[in-house]
All heavy atoms as atom14 arrays in JSON, in Angstrom:
{
  "sequence": "VKGFEYGSGFEGTKLSGSQHNDVFIQTEKGI",
  "atom14_mask": [
    [1, 1, 1, 1, 1, 1, 1, 0, 0, 0, 0, 0, 0, 0],
    [1, 1, 1, 1, 1, 1, 1, 1, 1, 0, 0, 0, 0, 0],
    [1, 1, 1, 1, 0, 0, 0, 0, 0, 0, 0, 0, 0, 0],
    [1, 1, 1, 1, 1, 1, 1, 1, 1, 1, 1, 0, 0, 0],
    [1, 1, 1, 1, 1, 1, 1, 1, 1, 0, 0, 0, 0, 0],
    [1, 1, 1, 1, 1, 1, 1, 1, 1, 1, 1, 1, 0, 0],
    [1, 1, 1, 1, 0, 0, 0, 0, 0, 0, 0, 0, 0, 0],
    [1, 1, 1, 1, 1, 1, 0, 0, 0, 0, 0, 0, 0, 0],
    [1, 1, 1, 1, 0, 0, 0, 0, 0, 0, 0, 0, 0, 0],
    [1, 1, 1, 1, 1, 1, 1, 1, 1, 1, 1, 0, 0, 0],
    [1, 1, 1, 1, 1, 1, 1, 1, 1, 0, 0, 0, 0, 0],
    [1, 1, 1, 1, 0, 0, 0, 0, 0, 0, 0, 0, 0, 0],
    [1, 1, 1, 1, 1, 1, 1, 0, 0, 0, 0, 0, 0, 0],
    [1, 1, 1, 1, 1, 1, 1, 1, 1, 0, 0, 0, 0, 0],
    [1, 1, 1, 1, 1, 1, 1, 1, 0, 0, 0, 0, 0, 0],
    [1, 1, 1, 1, 1, 1, 0, 0, 0, 0, 0, 0, 0, 0],
    [1, 1, 1, 1, 0, 0, 0, 0, 0, 0, 0, 0, 0, 0],
    [1, 1, 1, 1, 1, 1, 0, 0, 0, 0, 0, 0, 0, 0],
    [1, 1, 1, 1, 1, 1, 1, 1, 1, 0, 0, 0, 0, 0],
    [1, 1, 1, 1, 1, 1, 1, 1, 1, 1, 0, 0, 0, 0],
    [1, 1, 1, 1, 1, 1, 1, 1, 0, 0, 0, 0, 0, 0],
    [1, 1, 1, 1, 1, 1, 1, 1, 0, 0, 0, 0, 0, 0],
    [1, 1, 1, 1, 1, 1, 1, 0, 0, 0, 0, 0, 0, 0],
    [1, 1, 1, 1, 1, 1, 1, 1, 1, 1, 1, 0, 0, 0],
    [1, 1, 1, 1, 1, 1, 1, 1, 0, 0, 0, 0, 0, 0],
    [1, 1, 1, 1, 1, 1, 1, 1, 1, 0, 0, 0, 0, 0],
    [1, 1, 1, 1, 1, 1, 1, 0, 0, 0, 0, 0, 0, 0],
    [1, 1, 1, 1, 1, 1, 1, 1, 1, 0, 0, 0, 0, 0],
    [1, 1, 1, 1, 1, 1, 1, 1, 1, 0, 0, 0, 0, 0],
    [1, 1, 1, 1, 0, 0, 0, 0, 0, 0, 0, 0, 0, 0],
    [1, 1, 1, 1, 1, 1, 1, 1, 0, 0, 0, 0, 0, 0]
  ],
  "atom14_positions": [
    [[-0.89, 28.94, 72.36], [-0.92, 27.49, 72.58], [-0.05, 27.13, 73.79], [1.09, 27.58, 73.92], [-0.43, 26.73, 71.33], [-0.18, 25.25, 71.65], [-1.47, 26.85, 70.22], [0.0, 0.0, 0.0], [0.0, 0.0, 0.0], [0.0, 0.0, 0.0], [0.0, 0.0, 0.0], [0.0, 0.0, 0.0], [0.0, 0.0, 0.0], [0.0, 0.0, 0.0]],
    [[-0.6, 26.29, 74.67], [0.11, 25.88, 75.89], [0.35, 24.37, 75.97], [1.06, 23.91, 76.88], [-0.69, 26.31, 77.13], [-0.97, 27.8, 77.2], [0.31, 28.61, 77.28], [0.95, 28.51, 78.66], [2.12, 29.42, 78.78], [0.0, 0.0, 0.0], [0.0, 0.0, 0.0], [0.0, 0.0, 0.0], [0.0, 0.0, 0.0], [0.0, 0.0, 0.0]],
    [[-0.22, 23.6, 75.06], [-0.02, 22.16, 75.15], [-0.41, 21.43, 73.88], [-1.22, 21.91, 73.08], [0.0, 0.0, 0.0], [0.0, 0.0, 0.0], [0.0, 0.0, 0.0], [0.0, 0.0, 0.0], [0.0, 0.0, 0.0], [0.0, 0.0, 0.0], [0.0, 0.0, 0.0], [0.0, 0.0, 0.0], [0.0, 0.0, 0.0], [0.0, 0.0, 0.0]],
    [[0.2, 20.25, 73.69], [-0.07, 19.39, 72.53], [-0.04, 17.94, 72.97], [0.84, 17.53, 73.73], [0.99, 19.64, 71.45], [0.98, 18.64, 70.32], [0.1, 18.79, 69.25], [1.83, 17.55, 70.32], [0.09, 17.88, 68.2], [1.83, 16.63, 69.28], [0.95, 16.8, 68.22], [0.0, 0.0, 0.0], [0.0, 0.0, 0.0], [0.0, 0.0, 0.0]],
    [[-1.02, 17.16, 72.53], [-1.0, 15.72, 72.77], [-1.61, 15.02, 71.55], [-2.53, 15.54, 70.93], [-1.76, 15.34, 74.04], [-3.25, 15.67, 74.01], [-4.0, 15.15, 75.24], [-3.38, 14.5, 76.1], [-5.22, 15.39, 75.31], [0.0, 0.0, 0.0], [0.0, 0.0, 0.0], [0.0, 0.0, 0.0], [0.0, 0.0, 0.0], [0.0, 0.0, 0.0]],
    [[-1.06, 13.86, 71.2], [-1.6, 13.13, 70.07], [-1.97, 11.71, 70.49], [-1.47, 11.19, 71.5], [-0.6, 13.12, 68.9], [0.55, 12.15, 69.08], [0.57, 10.93, 68.42], [1.63, 12.48, 69.91], [1.62, 10.05, 68.59], [2.68, 11.61, 70.08], [2.68, 10.39, 69.41], [3.72, 9.52, 69.58], [0.0, 0.0, 0.0], [0.0, 0.0, 0.0]],
    [[-2.86, 11.1, 69.71], [-3.3, 9.76, 70.07], [-3.97, 9.75, 71.43], [-4.73, 10.65, 71.78], [0.0, 0.0, 0.0], [0.0, 0.0, 0.0], [0.0, 0.0, 0.0], [0.0, 0.0, 0.0], [0.0, 0.0, 0.0], [0.0, 0.0, 0.0], [0.0, 0.0, 0.0], [0.0, 0.0, 0.0], [0.0, 0.0, 0.0], [0.0, 0.0, 0.0]],
    [[-3.65, 8.74, 72.22], [-4.25, 8.63, 73.55], [-3.78, 9.72, 74.5], [-4.42, 9.99, 75.52], [-3.93, 7.25, 74.15], [-2.53, 7.1, 74.31], [0.0, 0.0, 0.0], [0.0, 0.0, 0.0], [0.0, 0.0, 0.0], [0.0, 0.0, 0.0], [0.0, 0.0, 0.0], [0.0, 0.0, 0.0], [0.0, 0.0, 0.0], [0.0, 0.0, 0.0]],
    [[-2.64, 10.35, 74.18], [-2.15, 11.47, 74.97], [-1.98, 11.14, 76.44], [-1.59, 10.03, 76.82], [0.0, 0.0, 0.0], [0.0, 0.0, 0.0], [0.0, 0.0, 0.0], [0.0, 0.0, 0.0], [0.0, 0.0, 0.0], [0.0, 0.0, 0.0], [0.0, 0.0, 0.0], [0.0, 0.0, 0.0], [0.0, 0.0, 0.0], [0.0, 0.0, 0.0]],
    [[-2.32, 12.1, 77.3], [-2.16, 11.91, 78.74], [-3.13, 10.87, 79.3], [-2.83, 10.21, 80.29], [-2.32, 13.25, 79.47], [-1.17, 14.19, 79.24], [-1.28, 15.25, 78.34], [0.03, 14.02, 79.91], [-0.22, 16.1, 78.12], [1.1, 14.89, 79.7], [0.98, 15.93, 78.79], [0.0, 0.0, 0.0], [0.0, 0.0, 0.0], [0.0, 0.0, 0.0]],
    [[-4.29, 10.72, 78.65], [-5.23, 9.71, 79.12], [-4.66, 8.31, 78.96], [-5.02, 7.39, 79.7], [-6.55, 9.83, 78.35], [-7.39, 11.04, 78.72], [-7.82, 11.01, 80.18], [-8.33, 9.95, 80.63], [-7.65, 12.03, 80.87], [0.0, 0.0, 0.0], [0.0, 0.0, 0.0], [0.0, 0.0, 0.0], [0.0, 0.0, 0.0], [0.0, 0.0, 0.0]],
    [[-3.77, 8.13, 77.99], [-3.18, 6.81, 77.75], [-2.32, 6.33, 78.9], [-2.06, 5.13, 79.02], [0.0, 0.0, 0.0], [0.0, 0.0, 0.0], [0.0, 0.0, 0.0], [0.0, 0.0, 0.0], [0.0, 0.0, 0.0], [0.0, 0.0, 0.0], [0.0, 0.0, 0.0], [0.0, 0.0, 0.0], [0.0, 0.0, 0.0], [0.0, 0.0, 0.0]],
    [[-1.87, 7.25, 79.76], [-1.05, 6.86, 80.91], [-1.84, 6.05, 81.93], [-1.26, 5.4, 82.8], [-0.47, 8.09, 81.6], [-1.54, 8.9, 82.13], [0.34, 8.93, 80.62], [0.0, 0.0, 0.0], [0.0, 0.0, 0.0], [0.0, 0.0, 0.0], [0.0, 0.0, 0.0], [0.0, 0.0, 0.0], [0.0, 0.0, 0.0], [0.0, 0.0, 0.0]],
    [[-3.18, 6.09, 81.81], [-4.02, 5.37, 82.76], [-4.24, 3.92, 82.35], [-4.82, 3.14, 83.12], [-5.37, 6.08, 82.89], [-5.27, 7.53, 83.34], [-6.62, 8.22, 83.3], [-6.51, 9.7, 83.66], [-7.82, 10.39, 83.59], [0.0, 0.0, 0.0], [0.0, 0.0, 0.0], [0.0, 0.0, 0.0], [0.0, 0.0, 0.0], [0.0, 0.0, 0.0]],
    [[-3.79, 3.55, 81.15], [-3.99, 2.2, 80.64], [-2.76, 1.34, 80.87], [-1.64, 1.85, 80.98], [-4.31, 2.24, 79.14], [-5.52, 3.07, 78.7], [-5.62, 3.05, 77.18], [-6.8, 2.55, 79.33], [0.0, 0.0, 0.0], [0.0, 0.0, 0.0], [0.0, 0.0, 0.0], [0.0, 0.0, 0.0], [0.0, 0.0, 0.0], [0.0, 0.0, 0.0]],
    [[-2.96, 0.04, 80.91], [-1.83, -0.9, 80.93], [-1.36, -1.11, 79.5], [-2.07, -0.77, 78.53], [-2.27, -2.24, 81.53], [-3.27, -2.84, 80.71], [0.0, 0.0, 0.0], [0.0, 0.0, 0.0], [0.0, 0.0, 0.0], [0.0, 0.0, 0.0], [0.0, 0.0, 0.0], [0.0, 0.0, 0.0], [0.0, 0.0, 0.0], [0.0, 0.0, 0.0]],
    [[-0.17, -1.68, 79.35], [0.37, -1.9, 78.01], [-0.52, -2.8, 77.17], [-0.69, -2.58, 75.97], [0.0, 0.0, 0.0], [0.0, 0.0, 0.0], [0.0, 0.0, 0.0], [0.0, 0.0, 0.0], [0.0, 0.0, 0.0], [0.0, 0.0, 0.0], [0.0, 0.0, 0.0], [0.0, 0.0, 0.0], [0.0, 0.0, 0.0], [0.0, 0.0, 0.0]],
    [[-1.09, -3.82, 77.8], [-1.94, -4.76, 77.07], [-3.22, -4.08, 76.6], [-3.8, -4.48, 75.58], [-2.28, -5.96, 77.95], [-2.93, -5.53, 79.15], [0.0, 0.0, 0.0], [0.0, 0.0, 0.0], [0.0, 0.0, 0.0], [0.0, 0.0, 0.0], [0.0, 0.0, 0.0], [0.0, 0.0, 0.0], [0.0, 0.0, 0.0], [0.0, 0.0, 0.0]],
    [[-3.67, -3.06, 77.31], [-4.85, -2.31, 76.89], [-4.51, -1.27, 75.82], [-5.33, -0.98, 74.95], [-5.47, -1.58, 78.11], [-6.06, -2.49, 79.16], [-6.47, -1.69, 80.4], [-5.71, -0.88, 80.92], [-7.7, -1.92, 80.87], [0.0, 0.0, 0.0], [0.0, 0.0, 0.0], [0.0, 0.0, 0.0], [0.0, 0.0, 0.0], [0.0, 0.0, 0.0]],
    [[-3.3, -0.75, 75.9], [-2.93, 0.36, 75.04], [-2.41, -0.07, 73.67], [-2.53, 0.67, 72.69], [-1.87, 1.22, 75.74], [-1.62, 2.54, 75.09], [-0.67, 2.71, 74.1], [-2.19, 3.76, 75.28], [-0.68, 4.0, 73.72], [-1.58, 4.64, 74.42], [0.0, 0.0, 0.0], [0.0, 0.0, 0.0], [0.0, 0.0, 0.0], [0.0, 0.0, 0.0]],
    [[-1.81, -1.26, 73.58], [-1.22, -1.69, 72.31], [-2.26, -1.76, 71.19], [-3.37, -2.26, 71.39], [-0.58, -3.07, 72.47], [0.8, -2.98, 73.1], [1.32, -1.89, 73.32], [1.39, -4.13, 73.39], [0.0, 0.0, 0.0], [0.0, 0.0, 0.0], [0.0, 0.0, 0.0], [0.0, 0.0, 0.0], [0.0, 0.0, 0.0], [0.0, 0.0, 0.0]],
    [[-1.88, -1.26, 70.02], [-2.73, -1.33, 68.83], [-2.39, -2.6, 68.05], [-1.34, -2.66, 67.38], [-2.52, -0.09, 67.96], [-2.99, 1.19, 68.64], [-4.04, 1.16, 69.28], [-2.29, 2.21, 68.52], [0.0, 0.0, 0.0], [0.0, 0.0, 0.0], [0.0, 0.0, 0.0], [0.0, 0.0, 0.0], [0.0, 0.0, 0.0], [0.0, 0.0, 0.0]],
    [[-3.25, -3.6, 68.15], [-3.01, -4.91, 67.52], [-3.2, -4.81, 66.0], [-4.19, -4.24, 65.53], [-3.97, -5.96, 68.1], [-3.8, -7.3, 67.39], [-3.73, -6.12, 69.61], [0.0, 0.0, 0.0], [0.0, 0.0, 0.0], [0.0, 0.0, 0.0], [0.0, 0.0, 0.0], [0.0, 0.0, 0.0], [0.0, 0.0, 0.0], [0.0, 0.0, 0.0]],
    [[-2.26, -5.36, 65.25], [-2.38, -5.36, 63.79], [-3.36, -6.44, 63.33], [-3.39, -7.54, 63.88], [-1.01, -5.62, 63.15], [-0.07, -4.46, 63.27], [1.01, -4.51, 64.15], [-0.25, -3.31, 62.51], [1.88, -3.45, 64.28], [0.62, -2.24, 62.63], [1.68, -2.3, 63.51], [0.0, 0.0, 0.0], [0.0, 0.0, 0.0], [0.0, 0.0, 0.0]],
    [[-4.15, -6.08, 62.33], [-5.1, -7.03, 61.74], [-5.04, -6.92, 60.23], [-4.64, -5.89, 59.68], [-6.54, -6.77, 62.22], [-6.97, -5.32, 61.91], [-6.68, -7.07, 63.72], [-8.42, -5.03, 62.23], [0.0, 0.0, 0.0], [0.0, 0.0, 0.0], [0.0, 0.0, 0.0], [0.0, 0.0, 0.0], [0.0, 0.0, 0.0], [0.0, 0.0, 0.0]],
    [[-5.43, -8.01, 59.54], [-5.48, -8.01, 58.08], [-6.89, -7.67, 57.64], [-7.86, -8.26, 58.11], [-5.08, -9.4, 57.54], [-5.03, -9.47, 56.03], [-3.95, -8.6, 55.42], [-2.82, -8.61, 55.87], [-4.3, -7.82, 54.41], [0.0, 0.0, 0.0], [0.0, 0.0, 0.0], [0.0, 0.0, 0.0], [0.0, 0.0, 0.0], [0.0, 0.0, 0.0]],
    [[-7.03, -6.7, 56.75], [-8.34, -6.3, 56.25], [-8.3, -6.26, 54.71], [-7.25, -6.48, 54.09], [-8.73, -4.9, 56.76], [-7.92, -3.91, 56.11], [-8.54, -4.8, 58.26], [0.0, 0.0, 0.0], [0.0, 0.0, 0.0], [0.0, 0.0, 0.0], [0.0, 0.0, 0.0], [0.0, 0.0, 0.0], [0.0, 0.0, 0.0], [0.0, 0.0, 0.0]],
    [[-9.46, -5.98, 54.12], [-9.53, -5.86, 52.66], [-8.67, -4.71, 52.16], [-8.24, -4.7, 51.0], [-10.98, -5.65, 52.23], [-11.89, -6.85, 52.49], [-13.32, -6.59, 52.05], [-13.6, -5.43, 51.64], [-14.13, -7.52, 52.12], [0.0, 0.0, 0.0], [0.0, 0.0, 0.0], [0.0, 0.0, 0.0], [0.0, 0.0, 0.0], [0.0, 0.0, 0.0]],
    [[-8.43, -3.73, 53.03], [-7.61, -2.58, 52.67], [-6.14, -2.77, 53.03], [-5.34, -1.84, 52.93], [-8.15, -1.33, 53.36], [-9.56, -0.95, 52.92], [-10.03, 0.31, 53.61], [-11.44, 0.7, 53.17], [-11.91, 1.95, 53.85], [0.0, 0.0, 0.0], [0.0, 0.0, 0.0], [0.0, 0.0, 0.0], [0.0, 0.0, 0.0], [0.0, 0.0, 0.0]],
    [[-5.79, -3.98, 53.47], [-4.42, -4.26, 53.86], [-4.26, -4.3, 55.36], [-5.23, -4.49, 56.1], [0.0, 0.0, 0.0], [0.0, 0.0, 0.0], [0.0, 0.0, 0.0], [0.0, 0.0, 0.0], [0.0, 0.0, 0.0], [0.0, 0.0, 0.0], [0.0, 0.0, 0.0], [0.0, 0.0, 0.0], [0.0, 0.0, 0.0], [0.0, 0.0, 0.0]],
    [[-3.04, -4.11, 55.84], [-2.75, -4.16, 57.27], [-3.27, -2.9, 57.94], [-2.97, -1.78, 57.52], [-1.24, -4.32, 57.53], [-0.75, -5.66, 56.99], [-0.93, -4.19, 59.02], [0.74, -5.88, 57.13], [0.0, 0.0, 0.0], [0.0, 0.0, 0.0], [0.0, 0.0, 0.0], [0.0, 0.0, 0.0], [0.0, 0.0, 0.0], [0.0, 0.0, 0.0]]
  ]
}
């Protein structure tokens, strides 16, 4: 193994903060 990335990983560096933030929402299963 030579590398590890989780979630958006290195590709996430190409996004702005407003694009990258995971907005919370209320659903039938909770938050």
